[in-house]
Amino acid sequence: MVDPMIALTVLNGSLLALLELWCNQPEADSDQAAGTMSEMILHMLGLSPAEARDLARRPLPAAA
């Protein structure tokens, strides 16, 4: 079972890392980095690598 506080801390740290990449390396492909990070986090939270890859590559739903 995943401790919710640890999971939230990991997610927050990942977001900070992505923001740091975006600010300090503007030439980096931030969309690809975000997708890769999403896959890694989903896998870490229990999805299989294939499920995580499939879910992370789906388009986001339209904003309501």
C-alpha atoms as a PDB file:
ATOM      1  CA  MET A   1       0.000   0.000   0.000  1.00  0.00           C
ATOM      2  CA  VAL A   2       1.271   3.458  -0.897  1.00  0.00           C
ATOM      3  CA  ASP A   3       1.541   6.010   1.893  1.00  0.00           C
ATOM      4  CA  PRO A   4      -0.437   9.023   0.587  1.00  0.00           C
ATOM      5  CA  MET A   5       1.948  11.544   2.163  1.00  0.00           C
ATOM      6  CA  ILE A   6       4.977   9.931   0.526  1.00  0.00           C
ATOM      7  CA  ALA A   7       3.159   9.720  -2.818  1.00  0.00           C
ATOM      8  CA  LEU A   8       2.231  13.409  -2.619  1.00  0.00           C
ATOM      9  CA  THR A   9       5.800  14.331  -1.702  1.00  0.00           C
ATOM     10  CA  VAL A  10       7.155  12.377  -4.677  1.00  0.00           C
ATOM     11  CA  LEU A  11       4.657  14.021  -7.027  1.00  0.00           C
ATOM     12  CA  ASN A  12       5.516  17.482  -5.698  1.00  0.00           C
ATOM     13  CA  GLY A  13       9.228  16.796  -6.084  1.00  0.00           C
ATOM     14  CA  SER A  14       8.688  15.621  -9.642  1.00  0.00           C
ATOM     15  CA  LEU A  15       6.787  18.783 -10.498  1.00  0.00           C
ATOM     16  CA  LEU A  16       9.557  20.921  -9.022  1.00  0.00           C
ATOM     17  CA  ALA A  17      12.145  18.994 -11.050  1.00  0.00           C
ATOM     18  CA  LEU A  18      10.155  19.535 -14.252  1.00  0.00           C
ATOM     19  CA  LEU A  19       9.832  23.266 -13.504  1.00  0.00           C
ATOM     20  CA  GLU A  20      13.565  23.451 -12.822  1.00  0.00           C
ATOM     21  CA  LEU A  21      14.266  21.804 -16.168  1.00  0.00           C
ATOM     22  CA  TRP A  22      11.893  24.166 -17.948  1.00  0.00           C
ATOM     23  CA  CYS A  23      13.437  27.288 -16.344  1.00  0.00           C
ATOM     24  CA  ASN A  24      17.116  26.355 -16.530  1.00  0.00           C
ATOM     25  CA  GLN A  25      17.201  24.429 -19.798  1.00  0.00           C
ATOM     26  CA  PRO A  26      14.692  26.112 -22.112  1.00  0.00           C
ATOM     27  CA  GLU A  27      16.155  24.243 -25.084  1.00  0.00           C
ATOM     28  CA  ALA A  28      15.058  20.921 -23.574  1.00  0.00           C
ATOM     29  CA  ASP A  29      11.882  19.335 -24.940  1.00  0.00           C
ATOM     30  CA  SER A  30       9.641  19.933 -21.930  1.00  0.00           C
ATOM     31  CA  ASP A  31       6.677  18.092 -23.495  1.00  0.00           C
ATOM     32  CA  GLN A  32       8.756  14.953 -23.907  1.00  0.00           C
ATOM     33  CA  ALA A  33      10.191  15.348 -20.405  1.00  0.00           C
ATOM     34  CA  ALA A  34       6.687  15.702 -18.938  1.00  0.00           C
ATOM     35  CA  GLY A  35       5.510  12.597 -20.785  1.00  0.00           C
ATOM     36  CA  THR A  36       8.494  10.558 -19.666  1.00  0.00           C
ATOM     37  CA  MET A  37       8.067  11.743 -16.094  1.00  0.00           C
ATOM     38  CA  SER A  38       4.368  10.857 -16.210  1.00  0.00           C
ATOM     39  CA  GLU A  39       5.213   7.331 -17.345  1.00  0.00           C
ATOM     40  CA  MET A  40       7.755   6.926 -14.555  1.00  0.00           C
ATOM     41  CA  ILE A  41       5.369   8.170 -11.862  1.00  0.00           C
ATOM     42  CA  LEU A  42       2.490   6.004 -13.076  1.00  0.00           C
ATOM     43  CA  HIS A  43       4.764   2.967 -13.081  1.00  0.00           C
ATOM     44  CA  MET A  44       6.037   3.860  -9.612  1.00  0.00           C
ATOM     45  CA  LEU A  45       2.412   4.038  -8.409  1.00  0.00           C
ATOM     46  CA  GLY A  46       1.731   0.490  -9.579  1.00  0.00           C
ATOM     47  CA  LEU A  47       0.880   0.435 -13.277  1.00  0.00           C
ATOM     48  CA  SER A  48       2.808  -1.903 -15.531  1.00  0.00           C
ATOM     49  CA  PRO A  49       5.319  -0.188 -17.835  1.00  0.00           C
ATOM     50  CA  ALA A  50       3.015  -0.768 -20.833  1.00  0.00           C
ATOM     51  CA  GLU A  51      -0.058   0.601 -19.000  1.00  0.00           C
ATOM     52  CA  ALA A  52       1.879   3.638 -17.799  1.00  0.00           C
ATOM     53  CA  ARG A  53       3.192   4.341 -21.314  1.00  0.00           C
ATOM     54  CA  ASP A  54      -0.298   3.992 -22.837  1.00  0.00           C
ATOM     55  CA  LEU A  55      -1.930   6.234 -20.247  1.00  0.00           C
ATOM     56  CA  ALA A  56       0.785   8.898 -20.391  1.00  0.00           C
ATOM     57  CA  ARG A  57       0.525   9.121 -24.190  1.00  0.00           C
ATOM     58  CA  ARG A  58      -3.230   9.626 -24.292  1.00  0.00           C
ATOM     59  CA  PRO A  59      -4.366  13.154 -25.134  1.00  0.00           C
ATOM     60  CA  LEU A  60      -5.626  15.204 -22.230  1.00  0.00           C
ATOM     61  CA  PRO A  61      -9.385  15.731 -22.112  1.00  0.00           C
ATOM     62  CA  ALA A  62     -10.752  19.118 -23.135  1.00  0.00           C
ATOM     63  CA  ALA A  63     -11.065  21.620 -20.314  1.00  0.00           C
ATOM     64  CA  ALA A  64     -14.621  22.113 -19.125  1.00  0.00           C
END
